[in-house]
Amino acid sequence: MSETVVNSIEPSRWFRNPLNPPIHYLAQKYGGSKWKEVERFLRFACVGVLGAILDIGTLTILQATILPPARNLVSPLVAMAGYEPDLPLAQALDANVALATTVAFVIAVLNNFVWTALWVYPDSRSRSVRRQLFQFAFISVVGWAGRTLWITLSYQFVGRILTPVVIPILHVVQPTFEMTIVTRNRFGTLVAQLIAMAVVMLWNFFANRYWTFNDVD
């Protein structure tokens, strides 16, 4: 068993991760002759999960604070006059959605590059970290462009489609919950982003494997 661990794809002795043993075990058990690639993919997936947490967390904070996805149009004076529509009027802010998802994306990319270089491909023989960062960033930007376009075009539609399904579930937890356009757009952005993240993760892994880190065996 010790010999198996030594043959792992990680040659560096100064970097250890508690996820290494279970990932290595699963890769060798189910990966067959391609266990090294399976191990790399599992590590990359873990990096992706961490990046997703940063991505979603940053997006959630930005949309709840300085970059809301919509702006209520009912002024305080109108509200004082007693006009309270069932669904408050609001204006969707596409630019805020695009900016918030971009900031979240950049933070996630920087995190993912560091972990990918140190943990997923520690055996890369390339000496140019700057070149690798450029390639990694380029691939990420391609993914970002597709992701941002998808989210910006679909978040309102996704929110409208899923609202009838989500409201009954939320009422079980919080009976007084009321869905507004702002809340609906936040939810639509989050769901659209989750879909995009799954697709972009596959794109990033294979593009980086066969371009950025193509020097590994």
N, C-alpha and C. Protein backbone atom coordinates (compact mmCIF):
# COMPACT_ATOMS: atom_id res chain seq x y z
N MET A 1 0.83 -1.21 0.00
CA MET A 1 0.00 0.00 0.00
C MET A 1 0.86 1.25 0.00
N SER A 2 1.97 1.21 0.75
CA SER A 2 2.86 2.37 0.82
C SER A 2 3.47 2.67 -0.53
N GLU A 3 3.78 1.57 -1.29
CA GLU A 3 4.35 1.76 -2.60
C GLU A 3 3.37 2.44 -3.54
N THR A 4 2.08 2.11 -3.38
CA THR A 4 1.05 2.72 -4.20
C THR A 4 0.97 4.21 -3.96
N VAL A 5 1.06 4.61 -2.70
CA VAL A 5 0.97 6.02 -2.36
C VAL A 5 2.16 6.78 -2.92
N VAL A 6 3.35 6.16 -2.87
CA VAL A 6 4.56 6.81 -3.37
C VAL A 6 4.44 7.07 -4.86
N ASN A 7 3.73 6.17 -5.59
CA ASN A 7 3.59 6.32 -7.02
C ASN A 7 2.52 7.33 -7.43
N SER A 8 1.99 8.07 -6.48
CA SER A 8 0.97 9.07 -6.79
C SER A 8 1.55 10.14 -7.70
N ILE A 9 0.70 10.93 -8.32
CA ILE A 9 1.17 11.92 -9.28
C ILE A 9 1.79 13.12 -8.59
N GLU A 10 1.81 13.14 -7.29
CA GLU A 10 2.37 14.30 -6.58
C GLU A 10 3.77 13.99 -6.08
N PRO A 11 4.82 14.52 -6.75
CA PRO A 11 6.19 14.25 -6.34
C PRO A 11 6.66 15.14 -5.19
N SER A 12 5.99 16.26 -4.98
CA SER A 12 6.46 17.20 -3.98
C SER A 12 6.18 16.71 -2.57
N ARG A 13 7.17 16.79 -1.69
CA ARG A 13 7.00 16.35 -0.31
C ARG A 13 6.63 17.48 0.62
N TRP A 14 6.71 18.70 0.12
CA TRP A 14 6.42 19.82 1.02
C TRP A 14 4.96 20.20 0.99
N PHE A 15 4.20 19.61 0.06
CA PHE A 15 2.78 19.96 -0.02
C PHE A 15 1.95 18.72 0.25
N ARG A 16 1.11 18.80 1.26
CA ARG A 16 0.24 17.68 1.60
C ARG A 16 -1.19 18.19 1.74
N ASN A 17 -2.13 17.34 1.38
CA ASN A 17 -3.54 17.67 1.45
C ASN A 17 -4.26 16.45 2.00
N PRO A 18 -5.13 16.62 3.01
CA PRO A 18 -5.83 15.46 3.58
C PRO A 18 -6.73 14.74 2.58
N LEU A 19 -7.03 15.38 1.47
CA LEU A 19 -7.87 14.73 0.45
C LEU A 19 -7.07 13.79 -0.45
N ASN A 20 -5.74 13.85 -0.36
CA ASN A 20 -4.91 13.02 -1.23
C ASN A 20 -5.19 11.52 -1.10
N PRO A 21 -5.18 10.95 0.11
CA PRO A 21 -5.39 9.49 0.23
C PRO A 21 -6.72 9.00 -0.35
N PRO A 22 -7.89 9.61 0.02
CA PRO A 22 -9.13 9.10 -0.55
C PRO A 22 -9.23 9.30 -2.05
N ILE A 23 -8.72 10.42 -2.57
CA ILE A 23 -8.76 10.64 -4.01
C ILE A 23 -7.88 9.63 -4.73
N HIS A 24 -6.70 9.39 -4.18
CA HIS A 24 -5.79 8.43 -4.79
C HIS A 24 -6.38 7.02 -4.77
N TYR A 25 -7.04 6.68 -3.68
CA TYR A 25 -7.67 5.36 -3.57
C TYR A 25 -8.78 5.20 -4.60
N LEU A 26 -9.66 6.19 -4.71
CA LEU A 26 -10.76 6.12 -5.67
C LEU A 26 -10.24 6.06 -7.11
N ALA A 27 -9.20 6.84 -7.40
CA ALA A 27 -8.66 6.87 -8.75
C ALA A 27 -8.08 5.51 -9.14
N GLN A 28 -7.34 4.89 -8.24
CA GLN A 28 -6.75 3.59 -8.56
C GLN A 28 -7.79 2.47 -8.58
N LYS A 29 -8.82 2.60 -7.77
CA LYS A 29 -9.84 1.56 -7.71
C LYS A 29 -10.74 1.58 -8.94
N TYR A 30 -11.10 2.79 -9.41
CA TYR A 30 -12.06 2.89 -10.49
C TYR A 30 -11.48 3.46 -11.79
N GLY A 31 -10.25 3.92 -11.75
CA GLY A 31 -9.68 4.56 -12.94
C GLY A 31 -9.01 3.63 -13.91
N GLY A 32 -8.71 2.40 -13.48
CA GLY A 32 -8.03 1.47 -14.37
C GLY A 32 -6.69 2.00 -14.82
N SER A 33 -6.40 1.81 -16.11
CA SER A 33 -5.11 2.26 -16.64
C SER A 33 -5.03 3.79 -16.73
N LYS A 34 -6.18 4.47 -16.63
CA LYS A 34 -6.20 5.94 -16.69
C LYS A 34 -6.31 6.56 -15.31
N TRP A 35 -5.82 5.86 -14.28
CA TRP A 35 -6.03 6.33 -12.92
C TRP A 35 -5.38 7.69 -12.66
N LYS A 36 -4.26 7.96 -13.34
CA LYS A 36 -3.62 9.26 -13.13
C LYS A 36 -4.53 10.40 -13.60
N GLU A 37 -5.16 10.21 -14.77
CA GLU A 37 -6.06 11.24 -15.27
C GLU A 37 -7.29 11.38 -14.38
N VAL A 38 -7.77 10.25 -13.88
CA VAL A 38 -8.93 10.29 -12.97
C VAL A 38 -8.54 11.02 -11.70
N GLU A 39 -7.34 10.75 -11.18
CA GLU A 39 -6.89 11.44 -9.97
C GLU A 39 -6.78 12.93 -10.20
N ARG A 40 -6.25 13.32 -11.34
CA ARG A 40 -6.16 14.75 -11.66
C ARG A 40 -7.54 15.38 -11.77
N PHE A 41 -8.46 14.66 -12.42
CA PHE A 41 -9.80 15.21 -12.57
C PHE A 41 -10.49 15.37 -11.22
N LEU A 42 -10.32 14.39 -10.33
CA LEU A 42 -10.94 14.49 -9.00
C LEU A 42 -10.34 15.65 -8.22
N ARG A 43 -9.04 15.84 -8.33
CA ARG A 43 -8.42 16.98 -7.67
C ARG A 43 -8.92 18.29 -8.26
N PHE A 44 -9.02 18.31 -9.60
CA PHE A 44 -9.51 19.51 -10.27
C PHE A 44 -10.95 19.80 -9.86
N ALA A 45 -11.75 18.74 -9.69
CA ALA A 45 -13.14 18.92 -9.25
C ALA A 45 -13.19 19.52 -7.84
N CYS A 46 -12.29 19.07 -6.96
CA CYS A 46 -12.25 19.64 -5.61
C CYS A 46 -11.86 21.11 -5.66
N VAL A 47 -10.89 21.43 -6.50
CA VAL A 47 -10.51 22.83 -6.68
C VAL A 47 -11.70 23.62 -7.21
N GLY A 48 -12.44 23.01 -8.14
CA GLY A 48 -13.62 23.66 -8.69
C GLY A 48 -14.68 23.93 -7.64
N VAL A 49 -14.85 22.99 -6.70
CA VAL A 49 -15.83 23.18 -5.63
C VAL A 49 -15.44 24.37 -4.75
N LEU A 50 -14.15 24.44 -4.40
CA LEU A 50 -13.68 25.57 -3.61
C LEU A 50 -13.87 26.88 -4.37
N GLY A 51 -13.53 26.85 -5.66
CA GLY A 51 -13.74 28.05 -6.47
C GLY A 51 -15.21 28.42 -6.57
N ALA A 52 -16.07 27.39 -6.64
CA ALA A 52 -17.51 27.64 -6.71
C ALA A 52 -18.02 28.30 -5.43
N ILE A 53 -17.49 27.86 -4.30
CA ILE A 53 -17.89 28.47 -3.02
C ILE A 53 -17.51 29.94 -2.99
N LEU A 54 -16.28 30.25 -3.43
CA LEU A 54 -15.85 31.64 -3.50
C LEU A 54 -16.68 32.41 -4.52
N ASP A 55 -16.94 31.76 -5.65
CA ASP A 55 -17.70 32.38 -6.73
C ASP A 55 -19.11 32.76 -6.27
N ILE A 56 -19.83 31.76 -5.76
CA ILE A 56 -21.20 31.98 -5.33
C ILE A 56 -21.26 32.92 -4.12
N GLY A 57 -20.32 32.74 -3.19
CA GLY A 57 -20.30 33.60 -2.01
C GLY A 57 -20.08 35.05 -2.37
N THR A 58 -19.13 35.29 -3.27
CA THR A 58 -18.86 36.66 -3.70
C THR A 58 -20.06 37.25 -4.43
N LEU A 59 -20.65 36.45 -5.33
CA LEU A 59 -21.83 36.93 -6.06
C LEU A 59 -22.97 37.27 -5.12
N THR A 60 -23.22 36.39 -4.14
CA THR A 60 -24.31 36.61 -3.20
C THR A 60 -24.10 37.90 -2.40
N ILE A 61 -22.87 38.10 -1.93
CA ILE A 61 -22.57 39.31 -1.14
C ILE A 61 -22.72 40.57 -1.99
N LEU A 62 -22.21 40.52 -3.22
CA LEU A 62 -22.29 41.70 -4.09
C LEU A 62 -23.75 42.04 -4.44
N GLN A 63 -24.55 41.01 -4.73
CA GLN A 63 -25.93 41.28 -5.10
C GLN A 63 -26.77 41.72 -3.91
N ALA A 64 -26.35 41.34 -2.72
CA ALA A 64 -27.08 41.75 -1.52
C ALA A 64 -26.65 43.12 -1.02
N THR A 65 -25.55 43.65 -1.59
CA THR A 65 -25.03 44.93 -1.10
C THR A 65 -24.94 45.98 -2.20
N ILE A 66 -23.81 46.04 -2.90
CA ILE A 66 -23.57 47.18 -3.79
C ILE A 66 -23.99 46.94 -5.24
N LEU A 67 -24.28 45.70 -5.64
CA LEU A 67 -24.65 45.42 -7.03
C LEU A 67 -25.94 44.60 -7.09
N PRO A 68 -27.07 45.16 -6.69
CA PRO A 68 -28.33 44.42 -6.74
C PRO A 68 -28.73 44.12 -8.19
N PRO A 69 -29.40 42.98 -8.43
CA PRO A 69 -29.78 42.62 -9.80
C PRO A 69 -30.99 43.38 -10.32
N ALA A 70 -31.68 44.12 -9.44
CA ALA A 70 -32.85 44.91 -9.86
C ALA A 70 -33.03 46.05 -8.88
N ARG A 71 -33.78 47.07 -9.33
CA ARG A 71 -34.02 48.25 -8.50
C ARG A 71 -35.52 48.48 -8.43
N ASN A 72 -36.03 48.58 -7.21
CA ASN A 72 -37.45 48.85 -7.03
C ASN A 72 -37.81 50.22 -7.59
N LEU A 73 -38.95 50.29 -8.29
CA LEU A 73 -39.38 51.54 -8.90
C LEU A 73 -40.47 52.25 -8.11
N VAL A 74 -41.01 51.59 -7.11
CA VAL A 74 -42.04 52.21 -6.29
C VAL A 74 -41.38 53.14 -5.29
N SER A 75 -41.58 54.43 -5.44
CA SER A 75 -40.93 55.41 -4.57
C SER A 75 -41.59 55.42 -3.19
N PRO A 76 -40.88 55.92 -2.18
CA PRO A 76 -41.46 56.02 -0.84
C PRO A 76 -42.75 56.84 -0.81
N LEU A 77 -42.83 57.89 -1.67
CA LEU A 77 -44.03 58.73 -1.69
C LEU A 77 -45.23 57.94 -2.18
N VAL A 78 -45.00 57.10 -3.22
CA VAL A 78 -46.08 56.27 -3.73
C VAL A 78 -46.51 55.27 -2.68
N ALA A 79 -45.54 54.71 -1.97
CA ALA A 79 -45.86 53.74 -0.92
C ALA A 79 -46.66 54.40 0.20
N MET A 80 -46.31 55.65 0.53
CA MET A 80 -47.04 56.37 1.58
C MET A 80 -48.48 56.65 1.15
N ALA A 81 -48.70 56.74 -0.16
CA ALA A 81 -50.05 57.00 -0.66
C ALA A 81 -50.93 55.77 -0.59
N GLY A 82 -50.32 54.64 -0.21
CA GLY A 82 -51.11 53.42 -0.04
C GLY A 82 -51.09 52.48 -1.20
N TYR A 83 -50.26 52.76 -2.22
CA TYR A 83 -50.18 51.87 -3.37
C TYR A 83 -49.17 50.77 -3.08
N GLU A 84 -49.64 49.55 -2.97
CA GLU A 84 -48.76 48.41 -2.68
C GLU A 84 -49.11 47.28 -3.64
N PRO A 85 -48.48 47.24 -4.82
CA PRO A 85 -48.78 46.19 -5.79
C PRO A 85 -48.38 44.82 -5.24
N ASP A 86 -49.06 43.77 -5.76
CA ASP A 86 -48.75 42.41 -5.31
C ASP A 86 -47.30 42.06 -5.58
N LEU A 87 -46.79 42.47 -6.75
CA LEU A 87 -45.39 42.24 -7.09
C LEU A 87 -44.78 43.60 -7.36
N PRO A 88 -44.00 44.15 -6.43
CA PRO A 88 -43.46 45.51 -6.58
C PRO A 88 -42.77 45.71 -7.91
N LEU A 89 -43.04 46.87 -8.51
CA LEU A 89 -42.42 47.19 -9.78
C LEU A 89 -40.91 47.37 -9.59
N ALA A 90 -40.15 46.86 -10.55
CA ALA A 90 -38.70 46.96 -10.45
C ALA A 90 -38.09 46.96 -11.83
N GLN A 91 -36.88 47.48 -11.91
CA GLN A 91 -36.13 47.51 -13.16
C GLN A 91 -34.95 46.57 -13.05
N ALA A 92 -34.84 45.62 -13.98
CA ALA A 92 -33.71 44.70 -13.99
C ALA A 92 -32.42 45.45 -14.33
N LEU A 93 -31.35 45.12 -13.66
CA LEU A 93 -30.06 45.79 -13.87
C LEU A 93 -29.06 44.78 -14.44
N ASP A 94 -29.09 44.61 -15.76
CA ASP A 94 -28.23 43.63 -16.43
C ASP A 94 -26.75 43.94 -16.20
N ALA A 95 -26.38 45.22 -16.21
CA ALA A 95 -24.98 45.59 -16.02
C ALA A 95 -24.48 45.16 -14.64
N ASN A 96 -25.32 45.31 -13.63
CA ASN A 96 -24.93 44.88 -12.28
C ASN A 96 -24.73 43.38 -12.22
N VAL A 97 -25.61 42.64 -12.90
CA VAL A 97 -25.48 41.18 -12.92
C VAL A 97 -24.18 40.77 -13.60
N ALA A 98 -23.88 41.38 -14.75
CA ALA A 98 -22.65 41.07 -15.47
C ALA A 98 -21.42 41.42 -14.65
N LEU A 99 -21.42 42.59 -13.99
CA LEU A 99 -20.27 43.02 -13.20
C LEU A 99 -20.08 42.13 -11.98
N ALA A 100 -21.16 41.81 -11.29
CA ALA A 100 -21.07 40.98 -10.09
C ALA A 100 -20.55 39.59 -10.42
N THR A 101 -21.06 39.00 -11.51
CA THR A 101 -20.59 37.66 -11.89
C THR A 101 -19.14 37.70 -12.35
N THR A 102 -18.71 38.81 -12.95
CA THR A 102 -17.32 38.93 -13.41
C THR A 102 -16.36 39.03 -12.24
N VAL A 103 -16.68 39.87 -11.25
CA VAL A 103 -15.82 40.00 -10.06
C VAL A 103 -15.71 38.65 -9.35
N ALA A 104 -16.84 37.97 -9.20
CA ALA A 104 -16.82 36.67 -8.55
C ALA A 104 -15.98 35.68 -9.34
N PHE A 105 -16.07 35.77 -10.66
CA PHE A 105 -15.32 34.87 -11.54
C PHE A 105 -13.81 35.09 -11.41
N VAL A 106 -13.37 36.34 -11.39
CA VAL A 106 -11.94 36.65 -11.30
C VAL A 106 -11.35 36.10 -9.99
N ILE A 107 -12.05 36.30 -8.90
CA ILE A 107 -11.58 35.79 -7.61
C ILE A 107 -11.47 34.27 -7.65
N ALA A 108 -12.45 33.61 -8.24
CA ALA A 108 -12.43 32.16 -8.33
C ALA A 108 -11.29 31.68 -9.23
N VAL A 109 -11.03 32.39 -10.33
CA VAL A 109 -9.97 31.98 -11.26
C VAL A 109 -8.59 32.03 -10.60
N LEU A 110 -8.31 33.12 -9.88
CA LEU A 110 -7.02 33.24 -9.21
C LEU A 110 -6.83 32.12 -8.18
N ASN A 111 -7.88 31.83 -7.44
CA ASN A 111 -7.83 30.73 -6.48
C ASN A 111 -7.59 29.41 -7.20
N ASN A 112 -8.31 29.17 -8.29
CA ASN A 112 -8.21 27.90 -9.00
C ASN A 112 -6.84 27.70 -9.64
N PHE A 113 -6.24 28.78 -10.14
CA PHE A 113 -4.92 28.62 -10.76
C PHE A 113 -3.87 28.19 -9.74
N VAL A 114 -3.88 28.83 -8.58
CA VAL A 114 -2.89 28.50 -7.54
C VAL A 114 -3.03 27.04 -7.14
N TRP A 115 -4.25 26.60 -6.87
CA TRP A 115 -4.46 25.21 -6.45
C TRP A 115 -4.18 24.22 -7.59
N THR A 116 -4.53 24.60 -8.82
CA THR A 116 -4.28 23.70 -9.95
C THR A 116 -2.79 23.50 -10.17
N ALA A 117 -2.03 24.60 -10.11
CA ALA A 117 -0.59 24.50 -10.33
C ALA A 117 0.11 23.74 -9.21
N LEU A 118 -0.31 23.96 -7.96
CA LEU A 118 0.38 23.35 -6.83
C LEU A 118 -0.10 21.93 -6.53
N TRP A 119 -1.36 21.63 -6.86
CA TRP A 119 -1.93 20.37 -6.39
C TRP A 119 -2.35 19.44 -7.53
N VAL A 120 -3.02 19.98 -8.55
CA VAL A 120 -3.49 19.12 -9.63
C VAL A 120 -2.35 18.71 -10.55
N TYR A 121 -1.47 19.66 -10.89
CA TYR A 121 -0.35 19.38 -11.79
C TYR A 121 0.98 19.78 -11.15
N PRO A 122 1.33 19.21 -10.01
CA PRO A 122 2.61 19.57 -9.37
C PRO A 122 3.80 19.04 -10.15
N ASP A 123 3.55 18.09 -11.06
CA ASP A 123 4.65 17.50 -11.82
C ASP A 123 4.86 18.19 -13.16
N SER A 124 4.22 19.34 -13.38
CA SER A 124 4.43 20.06 -14.62
C SER A 124 5.88 20.54 -14.69
N ARG A 125 6.51 20.31 -15.84
CA ARG A 125 7.93 20.66 -15.99
C ARG A 125 8.13 22.07 -16.54
N SER A 126 7.04 22.74 -16.82
CA SER A 126 7.16 24.10 -17.36
C SER A 126 7.76 25.03 -16.32
N ARG A 127 8.72 25.85 -16.74
CA ARG A 127 9.36 26.78 -15.81
C ARG A 127 8.71 28.17 -15.87
N SER A 128 7.85 28.38 -16.83
CA SER A 128 7.25 29.70 -17.01
C SER A 128 5.87 29.74 -16.35
N VAL A 129 5.84 30.18 -15.09
CA VAL A 129 4.57 30.32 -14.40
C VAL A 129 3.74 31.41 -15.07
N ARG A 130 4.41 32.44 -15.56
CA ARG A 130 3.70 33.53 -16.24
C ARG A 130 2.98 33.00 -17.47
N ARG A 131 3.65 32.14 -18.24
CA ARG A 131 3.01 31.56 -19.43
C ARG A 131 1.83 30.69 -19.04
N GLN A 132 2.00 29.88 -18.00
CA GLN A 132 0.90 29.04 -17.56
C GLN A 132 -0.28 29.87 -17.08
N LEU A 133 0.02 30.94 -16.35
CA LEU A 133 -1.06 31.81 -15.87
C LEU A 133 -1.80 32.46 -17.03
N PHE A 134 -1.05 32.86 -18.06
CA PHE A 134 -1.69 33.45 -19.24
C PHE A 134 -2.61 32.45 -19.91
N GLN A 135 -2.11 31.22 -20.11
CA GLN A 135 -2.93 30.20 -20.77
C GLN A 135 -4.15 29.85 -19.91
N PHE A 136 -3.93 29.70 -18.62
CA PHE A 136 -5.02 29.38 -17.70
C PHE A 136 -6.05 30.50 -17.73
N ALA A 137 -5.58 31.75 -17.71
CA ALA A 137 -6.48 32.90 -17.72
C ALA A 137 -7.23 32.98 -19.05
N PHE A 138 -6.54 32.70 -20.16
CA PHE A 138 -7.19 32.75 -21.47
C PHE A 138 -8.33 31.74 -21.55
N ILE A 139 -8.05 30.52 -21.12
CA ILE A 139 -9.08 29.48 -21.10
C ILE A 139 -10.23 29.89 -20.20
N SER A 140 -9.88 30.46 -19.06
CA SER A 140 -10.91 30.90 -18.12
C SER A 140 -11.75 32.03 -18.69
N VAL A 141 -11.11 32.93 -19.45
CA VAL A 141 -11.84 34.05 -20.05
C VAL A 141 -12.83 33.55 -21.09
N VAL A 142 -12.41 32.54 -21.87
CA VAL A 142 -13.34 31.95 -22.83
C VAL A 142 -14.55 31.38 -22.10
N GLY A 143 -14.26 30.65 -21.01
CA GLY A 143 -15.36 30.12 -20.20
C GLY A 143 -16.20 31.22 -19.59
N TRP A 144 -15.52 32.29 -19.12
CA TRP A 144 -16.24 33.42 -18.54
C TRP A 144 -17.16 34.08 -19.55
N ALA A 145 -16.67 34.25 -20.79
CA ALA A 145 -17.48 34.92 -21.83
C ALA A 145 -18.76 34.13 -22.09
N GLY A 146 -18.61 32.82 -22.26
CA GLY A 146 -19.80 32.00 -22.48
C GLY A 146 -20.71 31.99 -21.27
N ARG A 147 -20.10 31.91 -20.09
CA ARG A 147 -20.87 31.88 -18.85
C ARG A 147 -21.64 33.17 -18.63
N THR A 148 -20.94 34.30 -18.80
CA THR A 148 -21.58 35.59 -18.56
C THR A 148 -22.70 35.84 -19.56
N LEU A 149 -22.45 35.48 -20.84
CA LEU A 149 -23.49 35.66 -21.85
C LEU A 149 -24.73 34.83 -21.49
N TRP A 150 -24.50 33.58 -21.10
CA TRP A 150 -25.61 32.70 -20.73
C TRP A 150 -26.38 33.25 -19.53
N ILE A 151 -25.66 33.66 -18.48
CA ILE A 151 -26.33 34.14 -17.27
C ILE A 151 -27.10 35.42 -17.55
N THR A 152 -26.45 36.36 -18.27
CA THR A 152 -27.09 37.65 -18.52
C THR A 152 -28.36 37.50 -19.36
N LEU A 153 -28.35 36.56 -20.30
CA LEU A 153 -29.51 36.38 -21.17
C LEU A 153 -30.60 35.51 -20.54
N SER A 154 -30.22 34.70 -19.54
CA SER A 154 -31.18 33.70 -19.07
C SER A 154 -31.68 33.90 -17.64
N TYR A 155 -31.04 34.77 -16.84
CA TYR A 155 -31.37 34.80 -15.42
C TYR A 155 -32.81 35.20 -15.14
N GLN A 156 -33.35 36.14 -15.93
CA GLN A 156 -34.75 36.53 -15.71
C GLN A 156 -35.69 35.40 -16.10
N PHE A 157 -35.40 34.76 -17.23
CA PHE A 157 -36.23 33.64 -17.69
C PHE A 157 -36.20 32.49 -16.69
N VAL A 158 -34.99 32.15 -16.21
CA VAL A 158 -34.85 31.06 -15.23
C VAL A 158 -35.61 31.39 -13.96
N GLY A 159 -35.50 32.63 -13.50
CA GLY A 159 -36.22 33.04 -12.30
C GLY A 159 -37.72 32.92 -12.45
N ARG A 160 -38.24 33.35 -13.61
CA ARG A 160 -39.68 33.27 -13.83
C ARG A 160 -40.17 31.83 -13.91
N ILE A 161 -39.38 30.97 -14.57
CA ILE A 161 -39.78 29.57 -14.74
C ILE A 161 -39.80 28.83 -13.40
N LEU A 162 -38.80 29.09 -12.55
CA LEU A 162 -38.66 28.31 -11.32
C LEU A 162 -39.42 28.90 -10.14
N THR A 163 -39.86 30.15 -10.24
CA THR A 163 -40.56 30.77 -9.12
C THR A 163 -41.78 29.97 -8.66
N PRO A 164 -42.67 29.51 -9.56
CA PRO A 164 -43.83 28.74 -9.09
C PRO A 164 -43.46 27.45 -8.37
N VAL A 165 -42.28 26.91 -8.69
CA VAL A 165 -41.84 25.67 -8.03
C VAL A 165 -41.22 25.97 -6.68
N VAL A 166 -40.49 27.08 -6.59
CA VAL A 166 -39.73 27.41 -5.39
C VAL A 166 -40.60 27.98 -4.28
N ILE A 167 -41.58 28.81 -4.64
CA ILE A 167 -42.38 29.50 -3.63
C ILE A 167 -43.06 28.54 -2.65
N PRO A 168 -43.73 27.46 -3.11
CA PRO A 168 -44.35 26.54 -2.14
C PRO A 168 -43.34 25.93 -1.18
N ILE A 169 -42.13 25.64 -1.69
CA ILE A 169 -41.10 25.06 -0.83
C ILE A 169 -40.64 26.06 0.21
N LEU A 170 -40.45 27.31 -0.21
CA LEU A 170 -40.02 28.35 0.73
C LEU A 170 -41.09 28.66 1.76
N HIS A 171 -42.35 28.55 1.36
CA HIS A 171 -43.44 28.82 2.31
C HIS A 171 -43.50 27.78 3.42
N VAL A 172 -43.00 26.58 3.13
CA VAL A 172 -42.94 25.56 4.18
C VAL A 172 -41.94 25.98 5.26
N VAL A 173 -40.82 26.56 4.82
CA VAL A 173 -39.79 27.00 5.76
C VAL A 173 -40.14 28.35 6.37
N GLN A 174 -40.63 29.27 5.51
CA GLN A 174 -40.96 30.63 5.96
C GLN A 174 -42.31 31.04 5.38
N PRO A 175 -43.39 30.82 6.10
CA PRO A 175 -44.73 31.08 5.56
C PRO A 175 -44.97 32.51 5.11
N THR A 176 -44.24 33.47 5.67
CA THR A 176 -44.48 34.87 5.34
C THR A 176 -43.62 35.36 4.16
N PHE A 177 -42.87 34.44 3.55
CA PHE A 177 -41.97 34.86 2.47
C PHE A 177 -42.76 35.39 1.28
N GLU A 178 -42.31 36.53 0.73
CA GLU A 178 -42.92 37.11 -0.45
C GLU A 178 -41.86 37.28 -1.53
N MET A 179 -42.13 36.75 -2.71
CA MET A 179 -41.20 36.84 -3.83
C MET A 179 -41.34 38.19 -4.52
N THR A 180 -40.24 38.92 -4.61
CA THR A 180 -40.20 40.18 -5.35
C THR A 180 -39.38 39.97 -6.62
N ILE A 181 -39.41 40.95 -7.49
CA ILE A 181 -38.62 40.84 -8.72
C ILE A 181 -37.13 40.77 -8.38
N VAL A 182 -36.71 41.54 -7.37
CA VAL A 182 -35.30 41.51 -6.96
C VAL A 182 -34.92 40.11 -6.49
N THR A 183 -35.74 39.53 -5.62
CA THR A 183 -35.45 38.18 -5.11
C THR A 183 -35.50 37.15 -6.22
N ARG A 184 -36.48 37.29 -7.11
CA ARG A 184 -36.60 36.36 -8.23
C ARG A 184 -35.38 36.41 -9.13
N ASN A 185 -34.88 37.62 -9.40
CA ASN A 185 -33.71 37.75 -10.26
C ASN A 185 -32.45 37.22 -9.58
N ARG A 186 -32.36 37.40 -8.27
CA ARG A 186 -31.22 36.83 -7.54
C ARG A 186 -31.23 35.31 -7.67
N PHE A 187 -32.41 34.73 -7.47
CA PHE A 187 -32.54 33.28 -7.56
C PHE A 187 -32.24 32.80 -8.98
N GLY A 188 -32.76 33.51 -9.98
CA GLY A 188 -32.49 33.13 -11.36
C GLY A 188 -31.02 33.21 -11.70
N THR A 189 -30.35 34.25 -11.19
CA THR A 189 -28.90 34.38 -11.42
C THR A 189 -28.15 33.21 -10.82
N LEU A 190 -28.52 32.82 -9.60
CA LEU A 190 -27.83 31.74 -8.91
C LEU A 190 -27.99 30.41 -9.65
N VAL A 191 -29.20 30.10 -10.08
CA VAL A 191 -29.44 28.84 -10.78
C VAL A 191 -28.73 28.83 -12.14
N ALA A 192 -28.83 29.94 -12.87
CA ALA A 192 -28.14 30.02 -14.16
C ALA A 192 -26.63 29.88 -13.98
N GLN A 193 -26.11 30.43 -12.90
CA GLN A 193 -24.68 30.33 -12.63
C GLN A 193 -24.27 28.89 -12.31
N LEU A 194 -25.08 28.18 -11.55
CA LEU A 194 -24.77 26.79 -11.22
C LEU A 194 -24.69 25.94 -12.49
N ILE A 195 -25.63 26.14 -13.41
CA ILE A 195 -25.61 25.41 -14.68
C ILE A 195 -24.34 25.73 -15.46
N ALA A 196 -24.02 27.02 -15.54
CA ALA A 196 -22.83 27.45 -16.28
C ALA A 196 -21.55 26.91 -15.65
N MET A 197 -21.50 26.87 -14.33
CA MET A 197 -20.28 26.41 -13.64
C MET A 197 -19.98 24.96 -13.98
N ALA A 198 -21.00 24.11 -14.08
CA ALA A 198 -20.79 22.70 -14.40
C ALA A 198 -20.19 22.55 -15.80
N VAL A 199 -20.74 23.30 -16.76
CA VAL A 199 -20.24 23.23 -18.13
C VAL A 199 -18.83 23.79 -18.23
N VAL A 200 -18.60 24.94 -17.59
CA VAL A 200 -17.30 25.59 -17.66
C VAL A 200 -16.22 24.76 -16.97
N MET A 201 -16.57 24.02 -15.91
CA MET A 201 -15.59 23.18 -15.24
C MET A 201 -15.02 22.12 -16.19
N LEU A 202 -15.89 21.49 -16.97
CA LEU A 202 -15.44 20.49 -17.94
C LEU A 202 -14.56 21.15 -19.00
N TRP A 203 -14.99 22.30 -19.49
CA TRP A 203 -14.19 23.02 -20.48
C TRP A 203 -12.81 23.36 -19.92
N ASN A 204 -12.77 23.90 -18.71
CA ASN A 204 -11.50 24.30 -18.11
C ASN A 204 -10.57 23.11 -17.90
N PHE A 205 -11.11 21.99 -17.44
CA PHE A 205 -10.25 20.84 -17.16
C PHE A 205 -9.58 20.34 -18.43
N PHE A 206 -10.36 20.06 -19.46
CA PHE A 206 -9.79 19.46 -20.67
C PHE A 206 -8.92 20.45 -21.44
N ALA A 207 -9.31 21.72 -21.48
CA ALA A 207 -8.50 22.71 -22.18
C ALA A 207 -7.17 22.93 -21.47
N ASN A 208 -7.18 22.99 -20.14
CA ASN A 208 -5.93 23.15 -19.40
C ASN A 208 -5.07 21.89 -19.45
N ARG A 209 -5.73 20.74 -19.43
CA ARG A 209 -4.97 19.48 -19.46
C ARG A 209 -4.18 19.35 -20.75
N TYR A 210 -4.78 19.73 -21.87
CA TYR A 210 -4.14 19.50 -23.17
C TYR A 210 -3.49 20.75 -23.74
N TRP A 211 -3.44 21.84 -22.97
CA TRP A 211 -2.72 23.02 -23.42
C TRP A 211 -1.83 23.59 -22.33
N THR A 212 -2.42 24.07 -21.24
CA THR A 212 -1.62 24.71 -20.18
C THR A 212 -0.64 23.74 -19.54
N PHE A 213 -1.10 22.53 -19.25
CA PHE A 213 -0.26 21.53 -18.57
C PHE A 213 -0.06 20.30 -19.44
N ASN A 214 0.19 20.52 -20.73
CA ASN A 214 0.36 19.40 -21.66
C ASN A 214 1.73 18.73 -21.56
N ASP A 215 2.58 19.24 -20.65
CA ASP A 215 3.90 18.62 -20.50
C ASP A 215 3.90 17.50 -19.48
N VAL A 216 2.77 17.26 -18.81
CA VAL A 216 2.73 16.16 -17.84
C VAL A 216 2.40 14.87 -18.56
N ASP A 217 2.90 13.76 -18.01
CA ASP A 217 2.69 12.46 -18.64
C ASP A 217 1.29 11.93 -18.33
